[in-house]
Structure formats: structure tokens, C-alpha cells
C-alpha atoms as a PDB file:
ATOM      1  CA  MET A   1      36.981  49.073  -6.496  1.00  0.00           C
ATOM      2  CA  TRP A   2      33.480  48.559  -7.422  1.00  0.00           C
ATOM      3  CA  ALA A   3      32.474  47.474  -4.209  1.00  0.00           C
ATOM      4  CA  LYS A   4      33.732  51.042  -2.980  1.00  0.00           C
ATOM      5  CA  VAL A   5      31.873  52.832  -5.894  1.00  0.00           C
ATOM      6  CA  ALA A   6      28.851  50.732  -4.700  1.00  0.00           C
ATOM      7  CA  ALA A   7      29.722  52.215  -1.140  1.00  0.00           C
ATOM      8  CA  ILE A   8      29.904  55.623  -2.417  1.00  0.00           C
ATOM      9  CA  ALA A   9      26.905  56.006  -4.252  1.00  0.00           C
ATOM     10  CA  GLY A  10      24.902  54.355  -2.193  1.00  0.00           C
ATOM     11  CA  SER A  11      25.786  57.166   0.463  1.00  0.00           C
ATOM     12  CA  GLN A  12      25.042  60.286  -2.282  1.00  0.00           C
ATOM     13  CA  ALA A  13      21.494  58.732  -3.775  1.00  0.00           C
ATOM     14  CA  GLY A  14      22.871  56.824  -6.072  1.00  0.00           C
ATOM     15  CA  VAL A  15      25.003  59.144  -7.699  1.00  0.00           C
ATOM     16  CA  ILE A  16      28.799  59.271  -7.554  1.00  0.00           C
ATOM     17  CA  THR A  17      31.191  61.882  -9.565  1.00  0.00           C
ATOM     18  CA  VAL A  18      33.958  60.951 -12.072  1.00  0.00           C
ATOM     19  CA  GLY A  19      36.335  62.371  -9.167  1.00  0.00           C
ATOM     20  CA  GLN A  20      35.408  59.308  -7.027  1.00  0.00           C
ATOM     21  CA  LEU A  21      35.277  57.125  -8.937  1.00  0.00           C
ATOM     22  CA  ARG A  22      39.081  58.058 -10.006  1.00  0.00           C
ATOM     23  CA  ASP A  23      39.700  57.987  -6.065  1.00  0.00           C
ATOM     24  CA  ALA A  24      38.063  54.284  -5.670  1.00  0.00           C
ATOM     25  CA  GLY A  25      41.028  53.212  -8.243  1.00  0.00           C
ATOM     26  CA  ILE A  26      38.793  53.057 -11.812  1.00  0.00           C
ATOM     27  CA  ALA A  27      41.063  54.036 -14.127  1.00  0.00           C
ATOM     28  CA  ASP A  28      39.397  56.736 -17.144  1.00  0.00           C
ATOM     29  CA  SER A  29      39.230  53.949 -19.914  1.00  0.00           C
ATOM     30  CA  THR A  30      36.943  51.196 -17.091  1.00  0.00           C
ATOM     31  CA  ILE A  31      34.748  54.502 -16.315  1.00  0.00           C
ATOM     32  CA  SER A  32      34.720  55.043 -20.455  1.00  0.00           C
ATOM     33  CA  GLU A  33      33.935  50.943 -20.809  1.00  0.00           C
ATOM     34  CA  ALA A  34      31.366  50.983 -18.062  1.00  0.00           C
ATOM     35  CA  VAL A  35      29.297  53.593 -19.710  1.00  0.00           C
ATOM     36  CA  GLU A  36      29.384  51.700 -22.960  1.00  0.00           C
ATOM     37  CA  ARG A  37      27.944  48.836 -21.034  1.00  0.00           C
ATOM     38  CA  GLY A  38      25.710  50.182 -18.886  1.00  0.00           C
ATOM     39  CA  ARG A  39      27.227  50.085 -15.968  1.00  0.00           C
ATOM     40  CA  LEU A  40      27.473  53.844 -15.141  1.00  0.00           C
ATOM     41  CA  HIS A  41      24.921  56.407 -16.473  1.00  0.00           C
ATOM     42  CA  GLN A  42      25.826  59.789 -17.407  1.00  0.00           C
ATOM     43  CA  VAL A  43      23.534  62.034 -15.119  1.00  0.00           C
ATOM     44  CA  PHE A  44      25.273  65.092 -15.810  1.00  0.00           C
ATOM     45  CA  HIS A  45      28.370  66.373 -16.479  1.00  0.00           C
ATOM     46  CA  GLY A  46      30.951  64.521 -14.689  1.00  0.00           C
ATOM     47  CA  VAL A  47      28.330  62.950 -12.561  1.00  0.00           C
ATOM     48  CA  TYR A  48      27.060  59.378 -13.232  1.00  0.00           C
ATOM     49  CA  SER A  49      24.703  57.011 -12.049  1.00  0.00           C
ATOM     50  CA  VAL A  50      25.088  53.178 -10.472  1.00  0.00           C
ATOM     51  CA  GLY A  51      24.035  50.870 -11.832  1.00  0.00           C
ATOM     52  CA  HIS A  52      20.739  51.791 -13.748  1.00  0.00           C
ATOM     53  CA  ARG A  53      19.307  55.394 -15.741  1.00  0.00           C
ATOM     54  CA  TYR A  54      16.198  55.628 -13.201  1.00  0.00           C
ATOM     55  CA  LEU A  55      16.674  58.341 -10.498  1.00  0.00           C
ATOM     56  CA  THR A  56      13.758  59.723  -8.520  1.00  0.00           C
ATOM     57  CA  VAL A  57      13.835  63.968  -8.445  1.00  0.00           C
ATOM     58  CA  HIS A  58      16.165  64.096  -5.015  1.00  0.00           C
ATOM     59  CA  ALA A  59      18.403  61.627  -6.845  1.00  0.00           C
ATOM     60  CA  ARG A  60      18.614  64.295  -9.492  1.00  0.00           C
ATOM     61  CA  MET A  61      19.285  67.185  -7.242  1.00  0.00           C
ATOM     62  CA  PHE A  62      21.697  65.342  -5.887  1.00  0.00           C
ATOM     63  CA  ALA A  63      23.625  65.232  -8.614  1.00  0.00           C
ATOM     64  CA  ALA A  64      23.376  68.698  -9.427  1.00  0.00           C
ATOM     65  CA  THR A  65      24.840  69.527  -6.368  1.00  0.00           C
ATOM     66  CA  LEU A  66      27.496  67.189  -7.223  1.00  0.00           C
ATOM     67  CA  ALA A  67      28.157  68.327 -10.349  1.00  0.00           C
ATOM     68  CA  CYS A  68      28.429  72.079  -9.306  1.00  0.00           C
ATOM     69  CA  GLY A  69      31.191  71.031  -7.140  1.00  0.00           C
ATOM     70  CA  ARG A  70      31.797  70.492  -3.029  1.00  0.00           C
ATOM     71  CA  GLY A  71      29.622  72.814  -1.101  1.00  0.00           C
ATOM     72  CA  SER A  72      26.819  73.172  -3.449  1.00  0.00           C
ATOM     73  CA  VAL A  73      23.765  73.048  -2.343  1.00  0.00           C
ATOM     74  CA  VAL A  74      19.988  73.152  -3.564  1.00  0.00           C
ATOM     75  CA  SER A  75      18.172  77.315  -3.632  1.00  0.00           C
ATOM     76  CA  HIS A  76      15.957  79.442  -4.358  1.00  0.00           C
ATOM     77  CA  GLY A  77      12.887  77.753  -5.902  1.00  0.00           C
ATOM     78  CA  THR A  78      14.013  74.561  -6.182  1.00  0.00           C
ATOM     79  CA  ALA A  79      14.900  74.632  -2.154  1.00  0.00           C
ATOM     80  CA  ALA A  80      11.492  75.902  -1.505  1.00  0.00           C
ATOM     81  CA  TRP A  81       9.564  73.217  -3.139  1.00  0.00           C
ATOM     82  CA  LEU A  82      11.850  70.786  -1.264  1.00  0.00           C
ATOM     83  CA  LEU A  83      10.330  72.609   1.979  1.00  0.00           C
ATOM     84  CA  GLY A  84       7.008  72.112   1.047  1.00  0.00           C
ATOM     85  CA  LEU A  85       6.487  76.316   0.745  1.00  0.00           C
ATOM     86  CA  ARG A  86       5.681  75.932  -3.128  1.00  0.00           C
ATOM     87  CA  GLU A  87       3.038  73.532  -4.864  1.00  0.00           C
ATOM     88  CA  TRP A  88       5.314  73.472  -8.069  1.00  0.00           C
ATOM     89  CA  LYS A  89       8.841  72.230  -8.880  1.00  0.00           C
ATOM     90  CA  PRO A  90      11.429  74.350 -10.923  1.00  0.00           C
ATOM     91  CA  GLY A  91      11.860  73.181 -14.487  1.00  0.00           C
ATOM     92  CA  GLU A  92      15.954  73.566 -13.984  1.00  0.00           C
ATOM     93  CA  ILE A  93      17.602  72.636 -10.460  1.00  0.00           C
ATOM     94  CA  ASP A  94      18.306  75.967  -8.509  1.00  0.00           C
ATOM     95  CA  VAL A  95      21.854  75.663  -6.916  1.00  0.00           C
ATOM     96  CA  ILE A  96      24.306  77.708  -5.297  1.00  0.00           C
ATOM     97  CA  ALA A  97      27.893  76.935  -5.768  1.00  0.00           C
ATOM     98  CA  PRO A  98      30.530  78.177  -4.010  1.00  0.00           C
ATOM     99  CA  VAL A  99      33.014  78.726  -6.871  1.00  0.00           C
ATOM    100  CA  GLU A 100      31.655  81.051  -9.878  1.00  0.00           C
ATOM    101  CA  ALA A 101      33.808  79.912 -12.171  1.00  0.00           C
ATOM    102  CA  GLY A 102      32.444  76.508 -14.157  1.00  0.00           C
ATOM    103  CA  ARG A 103      30.450  74.842 -17.259  1.00  0.00           C
ATOM    104  CA  LYS A 104      27.058  75.877 -18.036  1.00  0.00           C
ATOM    105  CA  ILE A 105      25.028  72.368 -17.287  1.00  0.00           C
ATOM    106  CA  ALA A 106      22.251  71.533 -18.970  1.00  0.00           C
ATOM    107  CA  GLY A 107      19.007  71.407 -16.780  1.00  0.00           C
ATOM    108  CA  VAL A 108      20.642  73.353 -13.556  1.00  0.00           C
ATOM    109  CA  ARG A 109      20.271  77.211 -12.971  1.00  0.00           C
ATOM    110  CA  ARG A 110      23.265  78.314 -10.980  1.00  0.00           C
ATOM    111  CA  ARG A 111      22.504  81.309  -8.356  1.00  0.00           C
ATOM    112  CA  PHE A 112      25.689  83.321  -8.065  1.00  0.00           C
ATOM    113  CA  VAL A 113      24.568  84.741  -5.151  1.00  0.00           C
ATOM    114  CA  PRO A 114      26.754  84.538  -1.309  1.00  0.00           C
ATOM    115  CA  PRO A 115      27.022  81.014  -0.416  1.00  0.00           C
ATOM    116  CA  PRO A 116      25.188  79.506   2.390  1.00  0.00           C
ATOM    117  CA  MET A 117      27.392  79.281   5.632  1.00  0.00           C
ATOM    118  CA  GLY A 118      26.632  77.023   9.147  1.00  0.00           C
ATOM    119  CA  ASP A 119      22.975  76.813   9.780  1.00  0.00           C
ATOM    120  CA  GLU A 120      22.284  78.094   7.010  1.00  0.00           C
ATOM    121  CA  ILE A 121      22.438  74.582   5.396  1.00  0.00           C
ATOM    122  CA  TRP A 122      19.746  72.127   5.796  1.00  0.00           C
ATOM    123  CA  ARG A 123      19.471  68.393   4.323  1.00  0.00           C
ATOM    124  CA  ARG A 124      15.954  67.393   2.846  1.00  0.00           C
ATOM    125  CA  HIS A 125      15.583  63.836   1.643  1.00  0.00           C
ATOM    126  CA  GLY A 126      19.768  63.582   1.704  1.00  0.00           C
ATOM    127  CA  VAL A 127      20.101  66.368  -0.361  1.00  0.00           C
ATOM    128  CA  PRO A 128      21.814  69.743   0.831  1.00  0.00           C
ATOM    129  CA  LEU A 129      19.831  72.953   0.738  1.00  0.00           C
ATOM    130  CA  THR A 130      19.322  76.184   1.803  1.00  0.00           C
ATOM    131  CA  SER A 131      17.587  76.436   5.040  1.00  0.00           C
ATOM    132  CA  PRO A 132      13.813  78.155   5.307  1.00  0.00           C
ATOM    133  CA  ALA A 133      14.767  81.178   6.096  1.00  0.00           C
ATOM    134  CA  ARG A 134      17.810  81.661   3.572  1.00  0.00           C
ATOM    135  CA  THR A 135      15.553  80.511   1.134  1.00  0.00           C
ATOM    136  CA  ILE A 136      12.815  83.127   1.548  1.00  0.00           C
ATOM    137  CA  VAL A 137      15.845  85.355   1.666  1.00  0.00           C
ATOM    138  CA  ASP A 138      17.142  84.108  -1.836  1.00  0.00           C
ATOM    139  CA  CYS A 139      13.048  83.787  -3.472  1.00  0.00           C
ATOM    140  CA  ALA A 140      12.691  87.407  -2.084  1.00  0.00           C
ATOM    141  CA  GLY A 141      15.437  88.975  -5.078  1.00  0.00           C
ATOM    142  CA  ILE A 142      13.226  86.989  -7.749  1.00  0.00           C
ATOM    143  CA  LEU A 143      10.195  87.274  -6.575  1.00  0.00           C
ATOM    144  CA  ASP A 144       7.081  90.379  -7.086  1.00  0.00           C
ATOM    145  CA  ALA A 145       5.668  91.123  -3.400  1.00  0.00           C
ATOM    146  CA  ARG A 146       2.833  89.137  -3.749  1.00  0.00           C
ATOM    147  CA  ARG A 147       4.721  85.639  -3.988  1.00  0.00           C
ATOM    148  CA  VAL A 148       7.072  86.985  -1.322  1.00  0.00           C
ATOM    149  CA  SER A 149       3.830  87.220   0.744  1.00  0.00           C
ATOM    150  CA  GLY A 150       2.778  83.911  -0.140  1.00  0.00           C
ATOM    151  CA  LEU A 151       6.156  82.212   0.678  1.00  0.00           C
ATOM    152  CA  ILE A 152       5.677  83.673   4.251  1.00  0.00           C
ATOM    153  CA  GLU A 153       2.562  82.759   4.823  1.00  0.00           C
ATOM    154  CA  GLN A 154       3.061  79.156   3.351  1.00  0.00           C
ATOM    155  CA  ALA A 155       6.323  78.956   6.344  1.00  0.00           C
ATOM    156  CA  SER A 156       3.927  79.951   8.749  1.00  0.00           C
ATOM    157  CA  VAL A 157       1.385  77.087   8.210  1.00  0.00           C
ATOM    158  CA  ALA A 158       4.305  74.357   7.741  1.00  0.00           C
ATOM    159  CA  GLY A 159       6.385  76.014  10.776  1.00  0.00           C
ATOM    160  CA  LEU A 160       9.001  77.172   9.093  1.00  0.00           C
ATOM    161  CA  LEU A 161       8.698  80.757   9.733  1.00  0.00           C
ATOM    162  CA  ASP A 162      11.256  82.169  11.640  1.00  0.00           C
ATOM    163  CA  VAL A 163      11.909  86.081  11.340  1.00  0.00           C
ATOM    164  CA  VAL A 164      15.365  86.139  13.683  1.00  0.00           C
ATOM    165  CA  ALA A 165      16.565  83.587  11.299  1.00  0.00           C
ATOM    166  CA  ILE A 166      15.808  85.402   8.368  1.00  0.00           C
ATOM    167  CA  ASP A 167      16.780  88.815   9.992  1.00  0.00           C
ATOM    168  CA  ARG A 168      20.127  87.009  10.740  1.00  0.00           C
ATOM    169  CA  VAL A 169      20.660  86.573   6.961  1.00  0.00           C
ATOM    170  CA  LEU A 170      19.552  89.740   6.375  1.00  0.00           C
ATOM    171  CA  ASP A 171      22.717  90.900   8.512  1.00  0.00           C
ATOM    172  CA  GLY A 172      25.039  89.625   6.210  1.00  0.00           C
ATOM    173  CA  PRO A 173      26.307  90.574   2.849  1.00  0.00           C
ATOM    174  CA  ARG A 174      23.367  93.160   0.872  1.00  0.00           C
ATOM    175  CA  ARG A 175      20.772  91.214  -1.138  1.00  0.00           C
ATOM    176  CA  ARG A 176      18.351  91.688  -3.839  1.00  0.00           C
ATOM    177  CA  GLY A 177      14.696  91.901  -2.469  1.00  0.00           C
ATOM    178  CA  THR A 178      15.508  93.224   1.085  1.00  0.00           C
ATOM    179  CA  LYS A 179      12.879  95.975   0.715  1.00  0.00           C
ATOM    180  CA  ARG A 180       9.964  93.576  -0.649  1.00  0.00           C
ATOM    181  CA  LEU A 181      10.692  91.108   1.812  1.00  0.00           C
ATOM    182  CA  LEU A 182      10.856  93.641   5.178  1.00  0.00           C
ATOM    183  CA  ARG A 183       7.853  95.165   4.452  1.00  0.00           C
ATOM    184  CA  ALA A 184       6.101  91.734   3.713  1.00  0.00           C
ATOM    185  CA  LEU A 185       7.845  90.207   7.447  1.00  0.00           C
ATOM    186  CA  ALA A 186       6.466  93.734   9.319  1.00  0.00           C
ATOM    187  CA  PRO A 187       2.831  92.354   9.952  1.00  0.00           C
ATOM    188  CA  TRP A 188       4.281  88.846  11.251  1.00  0.00           C
ATOM    189  CA  ARG A 189       7.127  90.597  13.713  1.00  0.00           C
ATOM    190  CA  ARG A 190       4.053  90.520  17.061  1.00  0.00           C
ATOM    191  CA  TYR A 191       4.114  87.081  16.933  1.00  0.00           C
ATOM    192  CA  ARG A 192       5.561  84.604  18.991  1.00  0.00           C
ATOM    193  CA  PRO A 193       8.236  82.006  16.780  1.00  0.00           C
ATOM    194  CA  GLY A 194       6.111  78.536  16.079  1.00  0.00           C
ATOM    195  CA  ILE A 195       2.011  80.146  15.978  1.00  0.00           C
ATOM    196  CA  LYS A 196       0.111  77.746  15.043  1.00  0.00           C
ATOM    197  CA  LEU A 197      -1.418  77.982  12.219  1.00  0.00           C
ATOM    198  CA  ARG A 198      -3.206  74.850   9.533  1.00  0.00           C
ATOM    199  CA  SER A 199      -4.163  76.432   6.345  1.00  0.00           C
ATOM    200  CA  ARG A 200      -3.253  79.601   4.066  1.00  0.00           C
ATOM    201  CA  MET A 201      -6.702  81.262   5.068  1.00  0.00           C
ATOM    202  CA  GLU A 202      -5.589  81.734   8.592  1.00  0.00           C
ATOM    203  CA  ALA A 203      -2.264  82.857   7.110  1.00  0.00           C
ATOM    204  CA  LYS A 204      -3.492  85.472   4.885  1.00  0.00           C
ATOM    205  CA  LEU A 205      -5.636  86.433   8.030  1.00  0.00           C
ATOM    206  CA  LEU A 206      -3.258  87.340  10.696  1.00  0.00           C
ATOM    207  CA  PRO A 207      -0.918  90.118   9.068  1.00  0.00           C
ATOM    208  CA  LEU A 208      -4.129  91.528   8.460  1.00  0.00           C
ATOM    209  CA  LEU A 209      -4.643  91.409  12.186  1.00  0.00           C
ATOM    210  CA  SER A 210      -1.313  93.124  13.124  1.00  0.00           C
ATOM    211  CA  GLU A 211      -1.440  95.561  10.355  1.00  0.00           C
ATOM    212  CA  ALA A 212      -4.845  97.115  11.962  1.00  0.00           C
ATOM    213  CA  ALA A 213      -2.957  96.628  15.845  1.00  0.00           C
ATOM    214  CA  LEU A 214      -5.730  94.464  17.236  1.00  0.00           C
ATOM    215  CA  PRO A 215      -5.247  92.179  19.684  1.00  0.00           C
ATOM    216  CA  ILE A 216      -3.137  89.313  19.101  1.00  0.00           C
ATOM    217  CA  PRO A 217      -5.810  86.498  19.412  1.00  0.00           C
ATOM    218  CA  GLU A 218      -4.785  82.604  20.102  1.00  0.00           C
ATOM    219  CA  THR A 219      -4.247  80.284  17.068  1.00  0.00           C
ATOM    220  CA  ASN A 220      -6.101  77.246  16.897  1.00  0.00           C
ATOM    221  CA  ALA A 221      -6.701  77.139  20.248  1.00  0.00           C
ATOM    222  CA  LYS A 222      -8.485  75.202  22.686  1.00  0.00           C
ATOM    223  CA  LEU A 223     -11.676  75.778  24.347  1.00  0.00           C
ATOM    224  CA  ARG A 224     -13.223  73.601  27.272  1.00  0.00           C
ATOM    225  CA  LEU A 225     -17.046  73.929  27.132  1.00  0.00           C
ATOM    226  CA  ALA A 226     -20.140  71.874  28.822  1.00  0.00           C
ATOM    227  CA  GLY A 227     -17.688  69.490  29.559  1.00  0.00           C
ATOM    228  CA  ARG A 228     -15.680  68.998  25.960  1.00  0.00           C
ATOM    229  CA  VAL A 229     -12.827  70.588  24.356  1.00  0.00           C
ATOM    230  CA  TYR A 230     -13.095  72.343  20.848  1.00  0.00           C
ATOM    231  CA  GLU A 231     -10.794  73.685  18.544  1.00  0.00           C
ATOM    232  CA  VAL A 232     -11.220  77.064  17.273  1.00  0.00           C
ATOM    233  CA  ASP A 233      -9.021  78.810  14.274  1.00  0.00           C
ATOM    234  CA  PHE A 234      -8.787  82.409  16.171  1.00  0.00           C
ATOM    235  CA  LEU A 235      -9.394  83.238  19.714  1.00  0.00           C
ATOM    236  CA  TRP A 236      -9.881  86.396  21.717  1.00  0.00           C
ATOM    237  CA  ARG A 237     -10.923  85.189  25.276  1.00  0.00           C
ATOM    238  CA  ALA A 238     -11.909  88.045  27.001  1.00  0.00           C
ATOM    239  CA  GLN A 239     -13.716  89.474  24.179  1.00  0.00           C
ATOM    240  CA  LYS A 240     -15.541  85.962  23.723  1.00  0.00           C
ATOM    241  CA  LEU A 241     -14.834  86.110  20.198  1.00  0.00           C
ATOM    242  CA  VAL A 242     -13.574  83.426  17.711  1.00  0.00           C
ATOM    243  CA  VAL A 243     -13.235  83.769  13.995  1.00  0.00           C
ATOM    244  CA  GLU A 244     -13.356  80.820  11.867  1.00  0.00           C
ATOM    245  CA  THR A 245     -11.538  80.686   8.309  1.00  0.00           C
ATOM    246  CA  ASP A 246     -13.845  78.155   6.165  1.00  0.00           C
ATOM    247  CA  GLY A 247     -10.777  76.809   3.952  1.00  0.00           C
ATOM    248  CA  GLY A 248     -12.193  73.409   2.178  1.00  0.00           C
ATOM    249  CA  ARG A 249      -9.268  71.245   3.623  1.00  0.00           C
ATOM    250  CA  PHE A 250     -10.999  71.158   7.500  1.00  0.00           C
ATOM    251  CA  HIS A 251     -14.564  72.093   6.573  1.00  0.00           C
ATOM    252  CA  ASP A 252     -16.015  70.629   2.993  1.00  0.00           C
ATOM    253  CA  ASN A 253     -16.824  67.196   4.123  1.00  0.00           C
ATOM    254  CA  PRO A 254     -19.804  65.337   5.963  1.00  0.00           C
ATOM    255  CA  ALA A 255     -17.967  64.986   9.236  1.00  0.00           C
ATOM    256  CA  ALA A 256     -16.589  68.127   9.541  1.00  0.00           C
ATOM    257  CA  GLY A 257     -19.564  69.920   8.737  1.00  0.00           C
ATOM    258  CA  ALA A 258     -21.431  68.237  11.801  1.00  0.00           C
ATOM    259  CA  ARG A 259     -18.478  68.732  13.917  1.00  0.00           C
ATOM    260  CA  ASP A 260     -18.537  72.254  13.058  1.00  0.00           C
ATOM    261  CA  SER A 261     -22.510  72.477  13.705  1.00  0.00           C
ATOM    262  CA  ASP A 262     -21.859  70.720  17.359  1.00  0.00           C
ATOM    263  CA  ARG A 263     -19.248  73.664  18.053  1.00  0.00           C
ATOM    264  CA  ASN A 264     -21.097  76.673  16.901  1.00  0.00           C
ATOM    265  CA  HIS A 265     -23.954  75.558  19.178  1.00  0.00           C
ATOM    266  CA  ALA A 266     -21.918  75.089  22.501  1.00  0.00           C
ATOM    267  CA  LEU A 267     -20.097  78.656  21.402  1.00  0.00           C
ATOM    268  CA  ALA A 268     -23.165  80.331  20.949  1.00  0.00           C
ATOM    269  CA  ASP A 269     -25.337  78.785  24.169  1.00  0.00           C
ATOM    270  CA  ASP A 270     -21.650  80.250  26.188  1.00  0.00           C
ATOM    271  CA  GLY A 271     -21.802  83.639  24.330  1.00  0.00           C
ATOM    272  CA  TYR A 272     -19.189  83.282  22.126  1.00  0.00           C
ATOM    273  CA  ARG A 273     -19.745  85.533  18.620  1.00  0.00           C
ATOM    274  CA  LEU A 274     -18.633  83.265  15.748  1.00  0.00           C
ATOM    275  CA  PRO A 275     -18.134  85.553  12.536  1.00  0.00           C
ATOM    276  CA  ARG A 276     -16.967  82.610   9.690  1.00  0.00           C
ATOM    277  CA  LEU A 277     -14.448  84.140   6.672  1.00  0.00           C
ATOM    278  CA  GLY A 278     -14.427  83.282   3.149  1.00  0.00           C
ATOM    279  CA  TRP A 279     -11.659  83.354   0.793  1.00  0.00           C
ATOM    280  CA  GLU A 280     -13.814  86.276  -0.928  1.00  0.00           C
ATOM    281  CA  ASP A 281     -13.483  87.649   2.299  1.00  0.00           C
ATOM    282  CA  LEU A 282      -9.941  88.022   2.549  1.00  0.00           C
ATOM    283  CA  ARG A 283      -9.144  88.199  -1.337  1.00  0.00           C
ATOM    284  CA  ASP A 284     -11.624  91.121  -2.155  1.00  0.00           C
ATOM    285  CA  ARG A 285     -12.800  93.233   0.540  1.00  0.00           C
ATOM    286  CA  PRO A 286      -9.996  92.468   3.605  1.00  0.00           C
ATOM    287  CA  GLU A 287     -10.266  96.224   4.889  1.00  0.00           C
ATOM    288  CA  ALA A 288     -14.153  95.959   5.731  1.00  0.00           C
ATOM    289  CA  THR A 289     -13.281  92.221   7.275  1.00  0.00           C
ATOM    290  CA  VAL A 290     -10.838  93.631   9.306  1.00  0.00           C
ATOM    291  CA  GLU A 291     -13.267  96.394  10.139  1.00  0.00           C
ATOM    292  CA  GLU A 292     -15.683  94.240  10.988  1.00  0.00           C
ATOM    293  CA  ILE A 293     -13.272  91.976  13.371  1.00  0.00           C
ATOM    294  CA  ALA A 294     -12.473  95.255  15.162  1.00  0.00           C
ATOM    295  CA  ARG A 295     -16.244  96.412  15.619  1.00  0.00           C
ATOM    296  CA  LEU A 296     -16.427  92.761  17.258  1.00  0.00           C
ATOM    297  CA  LEU A 297     -13.284  92.880  19.910  1.00  0.00           C
ATOM    298  CA  ARG A 298     -14.780  96.881  20.553  1.00  0.00           C
END
């Protein structure tokens, strides 16, 4: 019987429900005895880890979905963290459960929204969670406009922004935050799915260009100059304009500085103009920054 328990737990990040223990032939008295002897360790009500107390963060999230019932998935802020759309993990695990009734579980925040269906359910590290599109829609109902825009920017950098998929979710039951989300998505509708971005600075500039109705640039595009290939952040080939966003992740080191200098000389020699933007240009003077790009394009 315990071999079967181990097999079930092994397929579930090391956790198992009391119902699964009973189905495996373990009597309630034996379950109680196993808890006393340290063979089972309670994680949430009705959910145990098998053999040890230590659980990875992903195993604990999986346990939370089991505690909330069959078909439950991690959602909202917790799903955003799992997908890499936010940097910090929520203190409580956000879960959508198909049945609204049930006891309150310490450490778990039940989110009472329509359950995800079909391709709105993904898995990360074995944990069932809402898809990026569904996660963005859910988070739009609990975040302010600035944070919703930031979530969309991070999704674009991670290659997870799919405006069409978000629209499909919004075609379903009416959701809180829809107007806020649609406003944030509006400038992204001009761009093709899967547009290549590497940083939040690039993701912050792109919608500003769209709102100003400027020509759509190539992003992280390759240029062949004097027999060498260079990559640039934003490129308008016809106008011979390159815009670089100086994020520290890609530029603040000696090797990157030497590479950038070599590329900049090659661009200038070929007649390209190369304005460089920093965070303050986008944060403190976005209108003036976009107007300068528009002037150069004219």
C-alpha cells in the first residue's frame, strides 16, 4: 500500500490528499499513526507530504491546489510570479477553485472568479496555473493601471504577451478591470505577436511609439555593415535611424561598452543616426523623447 502512496506522491511533487490515501487502502487510523511517526506531514488541511517536512515552493503551490479540490489552479499574483511576470512572490498562494464552497485554508487566498477552461490552464514546474493571457486578465481586476501596464511590459519581454488570447478571455464572462486592461493593451495592438524584446525599457518605449502613430520599427534587428553583423534595439531602415535603450543589464560592463562603441562607429560611418535613451528619458519626459524620435524620422 505504501509503495502505491509513494508512487502517487512522486507524481505530485511529493504531496498527497487524504482521499488518495484512502483510495490506496490506507485506513484513517493508519493515517493518524503515520502522522505521529513522521511518515506523513500535514501541509494543508487534508493534504500531506510523504516522508519529510521540506517542500519546495512549487510543491507547496501544488499542495494548495489539492487542498482546494480537483480542478483548482494557481492564479493571479502567484501565477504571475510563476510565469516570471513579477519579481516577488505573494505571501499567500492565489488559487481558483471550481467549487466556491469550502473551508478557509491558512496560507491560501481563494479567488472567486470564473474557473479557467481549456488553453487557459498551463503547467509550470508541475504546478497547474492560469495561462499568461488569463493571468493578465485576472490581475487586471486587482491591480491599478500602472501595475497592469508593467505586467504587460514584462509579458512582452518574456515572450508571453498574446493580445488575441487576452481578447478571447475577455469574450467570456464579464470581468473586473476590463476597461483598465483594454486601455493598457491598445498601443500593443499594432505589433505582431511574438515581437522580440529584451528589456523593460524596450517594452516601455514601444507603446509610446504606437500611441504617437510613428512607423513601426524592427526590434532587436540585425544590420550588416562593413562585413560585420550588429544587433540594435530599434531600427527604421528607410530613415537610417537606430534607437538604443541603455538598460544596465546589457550595457553596464566593459565588454558591452567596447562592443557598443565599435557598433556605434560602424553605424555613424554608414550614415545612421543613433540617439540613446535612459530610464529618465522614458520616466520623466516621455512626450519630449517621442517627439525627438518623430523629428528624426521626419
